[in-house]
Amino acid sequence: MNKRKFLKELEKRLILLEETEKQDILNEYKDIIEEKVKRGKTEEEAIADFGSIDELSKEILKAYKINSEYLKDKQSTSSD
């Protein structure tokens, strides 16, 4: 996964956060990826260092005291 796709996917998963918080997080991860690329990694390698995007987004939401399962529950309820 490249940087653009990773950031877009992470943004979708952080939809429950306020826009400013979400943008701060996305900018932080963008900067981390760019720094790793400067040090010789590919975008894909830099992103792989974060591990699963599912786990990453859960940990970020957890830090904001948001249950990541809420979004899944809300999506499944609205599609019923």
C-alpha atoms as a PDB file:
ATOM      1  CA  MET A   1       0.000   0.000   0.000  1.00  0.00           C
ATOM      2  CA  ASN A   2       1.383   3.420  -0.882  1.00  0.00           C
ATOM      3  CA  LYS A   3       1.275   6.557   1.284  1.00  0.00           C
ATOM      4  CA  ARG A   4      -1.756   8.113  -0.398  1.00  0.00           C
ATOM      5  CA  LYS A   5      -3.836   4.950  -0.107  1.00  0.00           C
ATOM      6  CA  PHE A   6      -2.717   4.351   3.497  1.00  0.00           C
ATOM      7  CA  LEU A   7      -3.634   7.886   4.592  1.00  0.00           C
ATOM      8  CA  LYS A   8      -6.997   7.715   2.817  1.00  0.00           C
ATOM      9  CA  GLU A   9      -7.798   4.383   4.489  1.00  0.00           C
ATOM     10  CA  LEU A  10      -6.674   5.634   7.901  1.00  0.00           C
ATOM     11  CA  GLU A  11      -8.807   8.740   7.478  1.00  0.00           C
ATOM     12  CA  LYS A  12     -11.903   6.598   6.834  1.00  0.00           C
ATOM     13  CA  ARG A  13     -11.224   4.585   9.969  1.00  0.00           C
ATOM     14  CA  LEU A  14     -10.843   7.704  12.108  1.00  0.00           C
ATOM     15  CA  ILE A  15     -14.167   9.190  11.045  1.00  0.00           C
ATOM     16  CA  LEU A  16     -15.370   9.418  14.657  1.00  0.00           C
ATOM     17  CA  LEU A  17     -12.652  11.925  15.546  1.00  0.00           C
ATOM     18  CA  GLU A  18     -12.998  15.675  15.215  1.00  0.00           C
ATOM     19  CA  GLU A  19     -11.605  16.959  11.923  1.00  0.00           C
ATOM     20  CA  THR A  20      -8.679  18.819  13.503  1.00  0.00           C
ATOM     21  CA  GLU A  21      -7.621  15.768  15.527  1.00  0.00           C
ATOM     22  CA  LYS A  22      -7.938  13.547  12.492  1.00  0.00           C
ATOM     23  CA  GLN A  23      -5.823  15.898  10.358  1.00  0.00           C
ATOM     24  CA  ASP A  24      -3.151  16.117  13.066  1.00  0.00           C
ATOM     25  CA  ILE A  25      -2.903  12.316  13.162  1.00  0.00           C
ATOM     26  CA  LEU A  26      -2.813  11.998   9.383  1.00  0.00           C
ATOM     27  CA  ASN A  27      -0.102  14.656   9.145  1.00  0.00           C
ATOM     28  CA  GLU A  28       1.928  12.865  11.804  1.00  0.00           C
ATOM     29  CA  TYR A  29       1.787   9.550   9.935  1.00  0.00           C
ATOM     30  CA  LYS A  30       2.551  11.294   6.630  1.00  0.00           C
ATOM     31  CA  ASP A  31       5.643  12.855   8.221  1.00  0.00           C
ATOM     32  CA  ILE A  32       6.750   9.514   9.688  1.00  0.00           C
ATOM     33  CA  ILE A  33       6.416   7.816   6.298  1.00  0.00           C
ATOM     34  CA  GLU A  34       8.324  10.610   4.554  1.00  0.00           C
ATOM     35  CA  GLU A  35      11.115  10.443   7.148  1.00  0.00           C
ATOM     36  CA  LYS A  36      11.456   6.672   6.713  1.00  0.00           C
ATOM     37  CA  VAL A  37      11.576   7.104   2.929  1.00  0.00           C
ATOM     38  CA  LYS A  38      14.351   9.693   3.334  1.00  0.00           C
ATOM     39  CA  ARG A  39      16.249   7.071   5.331  1.00  0.00           C
ATOM     40  CA  GLY A  40      16.036   4.572   2.484  1.00  0.00           C
ATOM     41  CA  LYS A  41      12.778   2.643   2.918  1.00  0.00           C
ATOM     42  CA  THR A  42      10.086   2.420   0.295  1.00  0.00           C
ATOM     43  CA  GLU A  43       6.643   3.804   1.140  1.00  0.00           C
ATOM     44  CA  GLU A  44       5.380   0.236   1.374  1.00  0.00           C
ATOM     45  CA  GLU A  45       8.121  -0.754   3.837  1.00  0.00           C
ATOM     46  CA  ALA A  46       7.523   2.347   5.951  1.00  0.00           C
ATOM     47  CA  ILE A  47       3.801   1.614   6.102  1.00  0.00           C
ATOM     48  CA  ALA A  48       4.380  -2.057   6.878  1.00  0.00           C
ATOM     49  CA  ASP A  49       6.304  -0.939   9.982  1.00  0.00           C
ATOM     50  CA  PHE A  50       2.996   0.297  11.443  1.00  0.00           C
ATOM     51  CA  GLY A  51       1.529  -3.201  11.310  1.00  0.00           C
ATOM     52  CA  SER A  52      -2.120  -3.856  10.585  1.00  0.00           C
ATOM     53  CA  ILE A  53      -4.115  -0.738   9.755  1.00  0.00           C
ATOM     54  CA  ASP A  54      -7.015  -2.300  11.689  1.00  0.00           C
ATOM     55  CA  GLU A  55      -4.922  -2.552  14.847  1.00  0.00           C
ATOM     56  CA  LEU A  56      -3.378   0.868  14.303  1.00  0.00           C
ATOM     57  CA  SER A  57      -6.753   2.584  13.934  1.00  0.00           C
ATOM     58  CA  LYS A  58      -8.136   0.717  16.968  1.00  0.00           C
ATOM     59  CA  GLU A  59      -5.182   1.886  19.068  1.00  0.00           C
ATOM     60  CA  ILE A  60      -5.587   5.488  17.910  1.00  0.00           C
ATOM     61  CA  LEU A  61      -9.319   5.480  18.678  1.00  0.00           C
ATOM     62  CA  LYS A  62      -8.661   3.789  22.008  1.00  0.00           C
ATOM     63  CA  ALA A  63      -6.290   6.635  22.931  1.00  0.00           C
ATOM     64  CA  TYR A  64      -9.244   8.986  22.396  1.00  0.00           C
ATOM     65  CA  LYS A  65     -11.466   6.700  24.487  1.00  0.00           C
ATOM     66  CA  ILE A  66     -13.546   5.727  21.457  1.00  0.00           C
ATOM     67  CA  ASN A  67     -14.682   2.137  21.035  1.00  0.00           C
ATOM     68  CA  SER A  68     -13.742   1.170  17.475  1.00  0.00           C
ATOM     69  CA  GLU A  69     -16.547  -1.411  17.474  1.00  0.00           C
ATOM     70  CA  TYR A  70     -19.069   1.447  17.655  1.00  0.00           C
ATOM     71  CA  LEU A  71     -18.477   2.342  14.027  1.00  0.00           C
ATOM     72  CA  LYS A  72     -18.910  -1.272  12.892  1.00  0.00           C
ATOM     73  CA  ASP A  73     -22.138  -1.573  14.927  1.00  0.00           C
ATOM     74  CA  LYS A  74     -23.448   1.697  13.511  1.00  0.00           C
ATOM     75  CA  GLN A  75     -22.655   0.650   9.929  1.00  0.00           C
ATOM     76  CA  SER A  76     -24.318  -2.759  10.276  1.00  0.00           C
ATOM     77  CA  THR A  77     -27.424  -1.226  11.892  1.00  0.00           C
ATOM     78  CA  SER A  78     -27.832   1.383   9.175  1.00  0.00           C
ATOM     79  CA  SER A  79     -27.629  -1.214   6.404  1.00  0.00           C
ATOM     80  CA  ASP A  80     -30.333  -3.445   7.908  1.00  0.00           C
END
